[in-house]
Protein backbone atom coordinates (compact mmCIF):
# COMPACT_ATOMS: atom_id res chain seq x y z
CA MET A 1 182.29 -90.01 -131.24
CA THR A 2 182.42 -92.14 -134.34
CA ILE A 3 185.07 -92.32 -136.99
CA GLU A 4 182.99 -94.46 -139.36
CA ARG A 5 179.29 -94.00 -139.21
CA ALA A 6 178.97 -93.53 -142.89
CA THR A 7 176.09 -95.87 -143.15
CA SER A 8 173.86 -95.41 -140.23
CA THR A 9 170.14 -95.38 -140.05
CA GLY A 10 169.15 -91.88 -139.68
CA ARG A 11 168.99 -88.73 -141.61
CA THR A 12 171.73 -86.70 -143.12
CA PRO A 13 171.85 -82.93 -143.63
CA ASN A 14 169.46 -83.17 -146.53
CA ALA A 15 166.86 -85.68 -147.51
CA GLU A 16 168.52 -86.46 -150.83
CA GLN A 17 171.70 -87.63 -149.15
CA GLY A 18 171.53 -90.71 -147.00
CA LEU A 19 173.60 -93.23 -148.91
CA HIS A 20 177.20 -94.04 -148.39
CA THR A 21 177.30 -97.72 -149.07
CA GLY A 22 175.24 -98.56 -146.20
CA ARG A 23 172.40 -97.63 -144.06
CA ALA A 24 172.29 -96.19 -140.61
CA MET A 25 170.53 -96.55 -137.34
CA ASN A 26 169.77 -93.23 -135.73
CA PRO A 27 169.14 -89.61 -136.71
CA GLY A 28 172.34 -88.23 -138.14
CA GLN A 29 173.32 -91.44 -139.82
CA THR A 30 173.06 -92.42 -143.47
CA PHE A 31 171.35 -94.99 -145.64
CA GLY A 32 173.18 -96.81 -148.38
CA THR A 33 174.85 -100.07 -149.30
CA GLU A 34 176.45 -100.29 -145.92
CA ARG A 35 174.74 -99.39 -142.74
CA ALA A 36 176.58 -97.93 -139.85
CA ALA A 37 176.81 -97.68 -136.15
CA ASP A 38 174.02 -97.25 -133.68
CA GLY A 39 174.24 -94.13 -131.63
CA GLY A 40 177.73 -93.24 -132.74
CA GLN A 41 179.62 -96.39 -131.95
CA ALA A 42 182.04 -97.71 -134.56
CA VAL A 43 185.59 -96.53 -133.94
CA SER A 44 186.32 -93.65 -131.64
CA ALA A 45 189.58 -91.77 -131.97
CA GLY A 46 190.60 -92.64 -128.43
CA ARG A 47 189.77 -96.34 -128.78
CA ALA A 48 191.43 -97.11 -132.10
CA ALA A 49 193.52 -99.93 -130.68
CA GLU A 50 190.45 -101.62 -129.18
CA ALA A 51 188.40 -101.38 -132.34
CA GLY A 52 190.86 -102.50 -134.95
CA GLN A 53 194.18 -100.70 -135.06
CA ALA A 54 197.42 -102.42 -134.22
CA VAL A 55 198.76 -101.59 -130.77
CA SER A 56 202.15 -99.97 -130.33
CA GLY A 57 203.87 -98.05 -127.60
CA GLU A 58 205.56 -98.92 -124.35
CA ARG A 59 204.60 -102.59 -124.55
CA GLY A 60 205.78 -102.89 -128.15
CA PHE A 61 203.94 -103.41 -131.40
CA ARG A 62 201.09 -105.93 -131.51
CA PRO A 63 198.98 -106.49 -134.62
CA HIS A 64 195.22 -106.62 -134.29
CA ARG A 65 194.22 -110.29 -134.16
CA VAL A 66 191.39 -111.44 -136.43
CA VAL A 67 190.13 -114.97 -135.68
CA VAL A 68 188.01 -116.61 -138.39
CA LEU A 69 185.66 -119.36 -137.23
CA ALA A 70 185.60 -122.22 -139.77
CA LEU A 71 182.44 -124.35 -139.55
CA ASP A 72 181.69 -127.57 -141.43
CA GLY A 73 180.08 -126.87 -144.79
CA LEU A 74 181.93 -123.57 -145.16
CA LEU A 75 182.47 -121.88 -148.52
CA PRO A 76 186.23 -121.73 -149.25
CA PHE A 77 185.86 -118.43 -151.09
CA GLU A 78 184.31 -116.70 -148.09
CA LEU A 79 186.81 -118.27 -145.68
CA GLY A 80 189.60 -116.75 -147.75
CA ILE A 81 188.24 -113.20 -147.78
CA PRO A 82 189.44 -112.14 -144.29
CA HIS A 83 192.87 -113.64 -144.92
CA ARG A 84 193.24 -111.78 -148.19
CA ILE A 85 191.96 -108.39 -147.01
CA PHE A 86 193.40 -108.27 -143.48
CA GLY A 87 196.62 -109.97 -144.54
CA ARG A 88 197.66 -107.05 -146.76
CA PRO A 89 197.80 -103.84 -144.64
CA LYS A 90 201.21 -102.86 -143.28
CA ASP A 91 202.49 -99.85 -141.38
CA ALA A 92 205.26 -97.50 -142.49
CA GLU A 93 207.86 -99.91 -141.10
CA GLY A 94 206.50 -102.84 -143.08
CA ARG A 95 204.83 -104.58 -140.15
CA HIS A 96 201.49 -106.29 -140.69
CA LEU A 97 198.68 -104.37 -139.00
CA TYR A 98 196.58 -107.50 -138.59
CA GLU A 99 197.24 -111.12 -137.70
CA VAL A 100 194.68 -113.57 -139.11
CA VAL A 101 194.10 -116.95 -137.47
CA THR A 102 191.60 -119.67 -138.41
CA CYS A 103 189.98 -121.91 -135.81
CA SER A 104 187.22 -124.52 -135.59
CA ILE A 105 184.80 -125.51 -132.83
CA ARG A 106 186.73 -128.78 -132.38
CA PRO A 107 190.37 -129.61 -131.64
CA PRO A 108 192.72 -128.95 -134.58
CA GLY A 109 191.92 -131.07 -137.62
CA PRO A 110 190.01 -131.16 -140.91
CA VAL A 111 186.91 -129.04 -141.51
CA GLU A 112 184.60 -130.03 -144.34
CA THR A 113 183.76 -127.50 -147.05
CA ASP A 114 180.99 -127.35 -149.64
CA ALA A 115 183.62 -128.32 -152.24
CA ASP A 116 185.33 -131.67 -152.83
CA PHE A 117 188.08 -130.99 -150.30
CA ALA A 118 188.49 -130.36 -146.60
CA ILE A 119 190.63 -127.72 -144.90
CA ALA A 120 193.16 -128.55 -142.20
CA VAL A 121 192.59 -126.06 -139.36
CA ALA A 122 195.44 -125.73 -136.89
CA HIS A 123 193.57 -124.06 -134.02
CA GLY A 124 190.68 -125.12 -131.80
CA PRO A 125 188.00 -122.92 -130.20
CA GLU A 126 190.44 -121.61 -127.58
CA ALA A 127 191.78 -119.25 -130.27
CA LEU A 128 188.56 -117.25 -130.00
CA ALA A 129 189.67 -116.07 -126.55
CA THR A 130 192.67 -114.33 -128.16
CA ALA A 131 190.67 -112.43 -130.77
CA ASP A 132 190.29 -108.67 -131.15
CA THR A 133 187.85 -109.38 -134.00
CA VAL A 134 185.93 -112.61 -134.68
CA ILE A 135 184.56 -113.26 -138.18
CA VAL A 136 182.03 -116.01 -138.96
CA PRO A 137 181.85 -116.87 -142.70
CA ALA A 138 178.91 -118.70 -144.27
CA SER A 139 178.29 -122.41 -143.93
CA TYR A 140 175.83 -124.74 -145.66
CA GLU A 141 175.72 -127.12 -142.71
CA LEU A 142 174.47 -124.99 -139.82
CA GLY A 143 171.77 -127.52 -138.93
CA PRO A 144 169.61 -126.36 -135.99
CA VAL A 145 171.22 -122.91 -136.14
CA PHE A 146 169.70 -122.34 -139.58
CA GLU A 147 166.55 -124.43 -139.12
CA GLU A 148 165.53 -123.47 -135.58
CA GLY A 149 167.75 -120.56 -134.56
CA VAL A 150 169.38 -122.65 -131.81
CA LEU A 151 173.11 -123.20 -131.21
CA THR A 152 174.53 -126.70 -130.97
CA ASP A 153 176.33 -127.51 -127.71
CA ASP A 154 179.75 -127.50 -129.42
CA LEU A 155 179.13 -124.17 -131.09
CA ALA A 156 177.80 -122.58 -127.90
CA ALA A 157 180.85 -123.81 -125.97
CA ALA A 158 183.17 -122.39 -128.63
CA LEU A 159 181.48 -118.97 -128.66
CA ALA A 160 181.74 -118.82 -124.88
CA HIS A 161 185.50 -118.27 -125.35
CA ILE A 162 184.91 -114.85 -126.93
CA ARG A 163 185.87 -112.04 -124.57
CA PRO A 164 183.48 -109.16 -123.84
CA GLY A 165 184.24 -106.18 -126.08
CA THR A 166 185.49 -108.29 -128.98
CA ARG A 167 184.39 -106.96 -132.37
CA LEU A 168 182.13 -109.47 -134.16
CA ALA A 169 181.40 -109.82 -137.86
CA SER A 170 179.62 -112.26 -140.14
CA ILE A 171 179.68 -112.94 -143.86
CA CYS A 172 176.48 -114.08 -145.58
CA THR A 173 174.69 -116.81 -143.56
CA GLY A 174 177.30 -116.62 -140.83
CA VAL A 175 174.84 -114.09 -139.43
CA TYR A 176 172.67 -116.98 -138.21
CA VAL A 177 175.41 -117.94 -135.74
CA LEU A 178 175.59 -114.42 -134.30
CA ALA A 179 171.79 -114.24 -134.20
CA ALA A 180 171.34 -117.60 -132.47
CA ALA A 181 173.94 -116.56 -129.89
CA GLY A 182 171.95 -113.41 -129.08
CA PHE A 183 174.60 -110.99 -130.30
CA LEU A 184 172.13 -109.32 -132.69
CA ASP A 185 169.12 -108.90 -130.41
CA GLY A 186 167.67 -105.43 -130.92
CA ARG A 187 170.23 -104.64 -133.62
CA PRO A 188 170.15 -104.18 -137.39
CA ALA A 189 171.65 -106.94 -139.55
CA THR A 190 171.84 -108.14 -143.13
CA THR A 191 172.57 -111.36 -144.99
CA HIS A 192 172.30 -112.72 -148.52
CA TRP A 193 169.13 -111.33 -150.06
CA ALA A 194 167.82 -114.86 -150.68
CA ASP A 195 167.98 -115.65 -146.94
CA SER A 196 166.82 -112.34 -145.50
CA ASP A 197 163.13 -113.24 -145.17
CA ARG A 198 163.99 -116.45 -143.34
CA LEU A 199 166.36 -114.61 -141.02
CA GLN A 200 163.65 -112.10 -140.14
CA ARG A 201 161.06 -114.80 -139.47
CA LEU A 202 163.43 -116.84 -137.33
CA PHE A 203 164.71 -113.83 -135.37
CA PRO A 204 161.95 -111.19 -135.20
CA GLN A 205 163.95 -109.27 -132.59
CA ILE A 206 166.47 -108.34 -135.30
CA ASP A 207 165.97 -105.48 -137.78
CA VAL A 208 166.87 -107.26 -141.03
CA ASP A 209 167.74 -105.09 -144.02
CA PRO A 210 167.88 -107.12 -147.27
CA GLU A 211 168.99 -104.26 -149.49
CA VAL A 212 172.39 -103.23 -148.14
CA LEU A 213 175.81 -104.78 -148.78
CA PHE A 214 176.75 -104.64 -145.13
CA ILE A 215 175.78 -103.08 -141.83
CA ASP A 216 178.22 -101.58 -139.34
CA ASP A 217 176.57 -101.41 -135.93
CA GLY A 218 179.73 -100.52 -134.06
CA ASP A 219 181.01 -103.66 -132.36
CA VAL A 220 178.89 -106.02 -134.49
CA LEU A 221 179.00 -106.00 -138.30
CA THR A 222 177.13 -108.16 -140.82
CA SER A 223 177.42 -108.49 -144.58
CA ALA A 224 175.32 -109.71 -147.46
CA GLY A 225 176.34 -112.78 -149.42
CA VAL A 226 179.60 -113.93 -150.91
CA ALA A 227 181.54 -110.98 -152.40
CA ALA A 228 179.87 -108.54 -149.99
CA GLY A 229 182.30 -110.02 -147.47
CA ILE A 230 185.05 -108.19 -149.36
CA ASP A 231 183.13 -104.92 -149.00
CA LEU A 232 182.72 -105.54 -145.28
CA CYS A 233 186.37 -106.38 -144.65
CA LEU A 234 187.57 -103.39 -146.67
CA HIS A 235 185.18 -101.23 -144.65
CA MET A 236 186.71 -102.49 -141.40
CA VAL A 237 190.21 -101.70 -142.67
CA ARG A 238 188.99 -98.26 -143.72
CA ARG A 239 187.37 -97.78 -140.32
CA ASP A 240 190.53 -98.81 -138.51
CA HIS A 241 193.20 -97.16 -140.65
CA GLY A 242 191.56 -94.77 -143.11
CA THR A 243 190.88 -94.67 -146.83
CA VAL A 244 194.52 -94.56 -147.98
CA VAL A 245 195.28 -97.95 -146.42
CA ALA A 246 191.95 -99.48 -147.49
CA ASN A 247 192.30 -98.21 -151.05
CA ASP A 248 195.78 -99.71 -151.28
CA VAL A 249 194.40 -103.08 -150.16
CA ALA A 250 191.59 -102.79 -152.73
CA ARG A 251 194.04 -102.03 -155.54
CA ARG A 252 196.20 -105.01 -154.64
CA THR A 253 193.11 -107.21 -154.46
CA VAL A 254 191.93 -105.82 -157.83
CA VAL A 255 188.51 -104.82 -156.53
CA PRO A 256 186.83 -101.40 -156.20
CA PRO A 257 187.44 -99.80 -152.80
CA HIS A 258 183.77 -98.91 -152.58
CA ARG A 259 180.78 -100.29 -154.48
CA ASP A 260 177.81 -98.13 -155.34
CA GLY A 261 174.33 -99.31 -154.46
CA GLY A 262 173.12 -102.25 -152.40
CA GLN A 263 171.95 -105.84 -152.92
CA ALA A 264 168.87 -104.73 -154.82
CA GLN A 265 170.91 -104.41 -158.01
CA TYR A 266 171.84 -108.12 -157.86
CA ILE A 267 168.36 -109.56 -157.44
CA GLU A 268 167.15 -111.24 -160.63
CA ARG A 269 164.88 -109.06 -162.71
CA PRO A 270 163.71 -109.04 -166.33
CA VAL A 271 166.65 -108.69 -168.70
CA PRO A 272 166.94 -105.07 -169.87
CA ASP A 273 167.01 -104.07 -173.49
CA PRO A 274 170.66 -104.45 -174.64
CA GLN A 275 170.28 -101.18 -176.51
CA GLN A 276 169.27 -99.36 -173.34
CA ALA A 277 171.57 -96.48 -172.43
CA THR A 278 173.48 -96.41 -169.14
CA THR A 279 174.62 -93.62 -166.83
CA THR A 280 178.30 -94.59 -166.78
CA ALA A 281 179.45 -91.61 -168.83
CA ALA A 282 177.57 -89.18 -166.59
CA ARG A 283 179.23 -90.62 -163.48
CA ALA A 284 182.67 -90.39 -165.05
CA TRP A 285 181.93 -86.81 -166.10
CA ALA A 286 180.83 -85.87 -162.56
CA LEU A 287 183.87 -87.49 -160.91
CA GLY A 288 186.11 -85.21 -162.92
CA ARG A 289 184.18 -82.14 -161.72
CA LEU A 290 183.47 -82.77 -158.05
CA HIS A 291 184.91 -79.35 -157.21
CA GLU A 292 182.28 -77.65 -159.38
CA PRO A 293 178.54 -77.12 -158.85
CA ILE A 294 176.78 -80.00 -160.61
CA GLN A 295 173.11 -79.88 -161.50
CA LEU A 296 171.00 -82.96 -162.12
CA ARG A 297 170.19 -81.52 -165.54
CA ASP A 298 173.92 -81.39 -166.34
CA MET A 299 174.33 -85.10 -165.58
CA ALA A 300 171.23 -86.05 -167.58
CA ASP A 301 172.54 -84.07 -170.55
CA GLN A 302 175.68 -86.24 -170.62
CA GLU A 303 173.46 -89.20 -171.51
CA ALA A 304 170.99 -87.22 -173.65
CA MET A 305 168.15 -88.22 -171.33
CA SER A 306 165.37 -86.37 -169.64
CA VAL A 307 165.92 -85.74 -165.92
CA ARG A 308 163.16 -88.18 -165.03
CA THR A 309 164.52 -91.00 -167.19
CA PHE A 310 168.08 -90.37 -166.06
CA THR A 311 167.12 -90.43 -162.37
CA ARG A 312 165.22 -93.70 -162.79
CA ARG A 313 168.04 -95.33 -164.78
CA PHE A 314 170.64 -94.07 -162.30
CA ARG A 315 168.79 -95.69 -159.38
CA GLU A 316 168.42 -98.95 -161.28
CA GLU A 317 172.17 -99.09 -161.94
CA THR A 318 173.58 -97.87 -158.63
CA GLY A 319 170.83 -98.38 -156.06
CA VAL A 320 170.98 -94.72 -155.03
CA SER A 321 169.83 -91.36 -156.37
CA PRO A 322 172.21 -89.06 -158.27
CA GLY A 323 172.32 -86.68 -155.29
CA GLN A 324 173.14 -89.44 -152.84
CA TRP A 325 175.84 -90.82 -155.11
CA LEU A 326 177.40 -87.39 -155.58
CA THR A 327 177.52 -86.83 -151.82
CA GLN A 328 179.23 -90.19 -151.36
CA GLN A 329 181.91 -89.31 -153.88
CA ARG A 330 182.53 -85.92 -152.28
CA ILE A 331 182.85 -87.46 -148.84
CA GLU A 332 185.36 -90.00 -150.17
CA ARG A 333 187.32 -87.23 -151.90
CA ALA A 334 187.40 -85.22 -148.68
CA ARG A 335 188.54 -88.24 -146.65
CA HIS A 336 191.37 -88.92 -149.08
CA LEU A 337 192.57 -85.31 -149.03
CA LEU A 338 192.35 -85.06 -145.24
CA GLU A 339 194.56 -88.14 -144.95
CA SER A 340 197.05 -87.54 -147.73
CA SER A 341 197.48 -83.77 -148.15
CA ASP A 342 198.41 -80.70 -146.13
CA ARG A 343 195.66 -78.58 -147.61
CA SER A 344 193.52 -76.61 -145.19
CA VAL A 345 189.98 -77.66 -144.36
CA ASP A 346 188.69 -74.70 -146.38
CA GLN A 347 190.73 -75.78 -149.42
CA ILE A 348 189.61 -79.38 -149.14
CA ALA A 349 185.98 -78.29 -148.84
CA GLY A 350 186.36 -76.53 -152.18
CA ASP A 351 188.30 -79.35 -153.83
CA ALA A 352 185.73 -81.94 -152.75
CA GLY A 353 182.84 -79.79 -153.89
CA PHE A 354 181.25 -78.87 -150.57
CA GLY A 355 181.95 -75.19 -151.17
CA THR A 356 182.45 -74.17 -147.55
CA ALA A 357 184.16 -75.71 -144.54
CA GLN A 358 180.87 -75.55 -142.65
CA SER A 359 179.06 -77.56 -145.31
CA MET A 360 181.80 -80.20 -145.38
CA ARG A 361 181.83 -80.34 -141.59
CA GLN A 362 178.07 -80.98 -141.52
CA HIS A 363 178.26 -83.74 -144.11
CA LEU A 364 181.27 -85.50 -142.55
CA GLN A 365 179.73 -85.24 -139.10
CA ALA A 366 176.55 -86.87 -140.40
CA ALA A 367 178.33 -89.55 -142.41
CA LEU A 368 181.35 -90.34 -140.23
CA GLY A 369 180.43 -88.99 -136.82
CA VAL A 370 183.47 -86.67 -136.56
CA THR A 371 184.63 -83.28 -137.76
CA PRO A 372 187.21 -82.96 -140.57
CA THR A 373 189.87 -81.92 -138.06
CA ALA A 374 189.21 -84.92 -135.82
CA TYR A 375 189.22 -87.27 -138.81
CA ARG A 376 192.55 -85.92 -140.02
CA ARG A 377 194.06 -86.16 -136.53
CA THR A 378 192.98 -89.78 -136.19
CA PHE A 379 194.33 -90.97 -139.51
CA ARG A 380 197.37 -88.73 -139.88
CA THR A 381 198.98 -89.16 -136.45
CA GLY A 382 199.77 -92.19 -134.33
CA ASN A 383 198.64 -94.55 -137.06
CA GLY A 384 201.34 -96.64 -138.62
CA GLY A 385 199.17 -97.42 -141.59
CA SER A 386 198.40 -93.85 -142.64
CA ARG A 387 200.38 -91.96 -145.17
CA GLY A 388 202.45 -88.98 -144.07
CA PRO A 389 201.83 -85.38 -145.14
CA GLY A 390 201.60 -84.86 -148.84
CA THR A 391 201.65 -81.89 -151.16
CA GLY A 392 198.06 -82.12 -152.37
CA SER A 393 196.79 -80.17 -155.31
CA GLY A 394 193.05 -80.14 -155.73
CA ALA A 395 191.25 -78.58 -158.60
CA GLY A 396 189.06 -75.60 -158.13
CA GLY A 397 188.31 -73.48 -155.12
CA SER A 398 185.61 -73.00 -152.57
CA GLY A 399 183.65 -70.22 -154.15
CA GLY A 400 181.23 -70.19 -151.23
CA HIS A 401 178.64 -72.44 -152.86
CA ASP A 402 177.06 -75.57 -151.42
CA VAL A 403 177.10 -77.77 -154.50
CA VAL A 404 175.47 -80.66 -152.64
CA ALA A 405 172.27 -78.65 -152.56
CA ALA A 406 172.26 -78.55 -156.34
CA LEU A 407 170.83 -82.05 -156.59
CA ARG A 408 168.27 -81.85 -153.78
């Protein structure tokens, strides 16, 4: 039973849906800028502590340990992403939910970067044996790993410290390390769009997707290049502790909690006409009316475009169709209300624009792998990072309509 399958490779309740910010693996999963767990992995309600949540109880509180593997030639920006994102979340008592440690494949000492400075790393490869999650950022000096898909002896010895069941993640070309170690055999993966063809040629046993920002395949996650590492780490926080905690981290980091579209929007293309209209106003208009039925014609009218032109422009700007984008926003609205309000499932279904509890249940089950009730139970109880009951006051009511169908 998954808590975060929002980007799987499969099909959602309707063909227009499919995008969260990822892409999915099996029937019932979604396609988008992230791509989620195979066969319903990700985080199950009963295994939250294993998959990312801090552990508390009879043995006392223990934060989830994230170990970042620093390799020579690393990019300082990408090395800093896990520390920034996982270093922020705290529980209601002010305790950090994660502990972030950096290690190298050698005894403690300097690790070269792609900049004009080195980084002093205080931990050797033994730290990998203590990890709940291991993250491998990009490096420009992977040598035979990048050229031949083969681990060096030192790197292989370091990775041997990782315990079975440890969650693994890579940022950008860090995926080559996971691939060379065999962790991605038979799995989906992504990397920087400029390196995706090479990754596929070098590792044909991997299903490489060059268009998504990240892929969540349960216990192994991979991201596209550079800033997509922020999207991936925020996704893991959201998966572990819910949208309230992840959104707070995003606000403090001054980044959007969720980016629309995938890598396709960042690939160089002919420069558009500066006078060309955008769909920004239509998206803002729709976000203020998620509780209402919204027709594609209504959104196109906000930009004074034909439906055909609007749909094409919308895809160019966001990487998804208007219907897919609208479903994403409604799912995010529902998640927020389930976590932060006391409103009933029926009320939330209306406030989020699904119309009926059954419709919302179908969409959340397809996107997240759980029912609304199970999602609320997971992120409202026994989770130090989740917000307590709130008053909640959504706009609009259920009305019995399935507004998602309006944009099919």
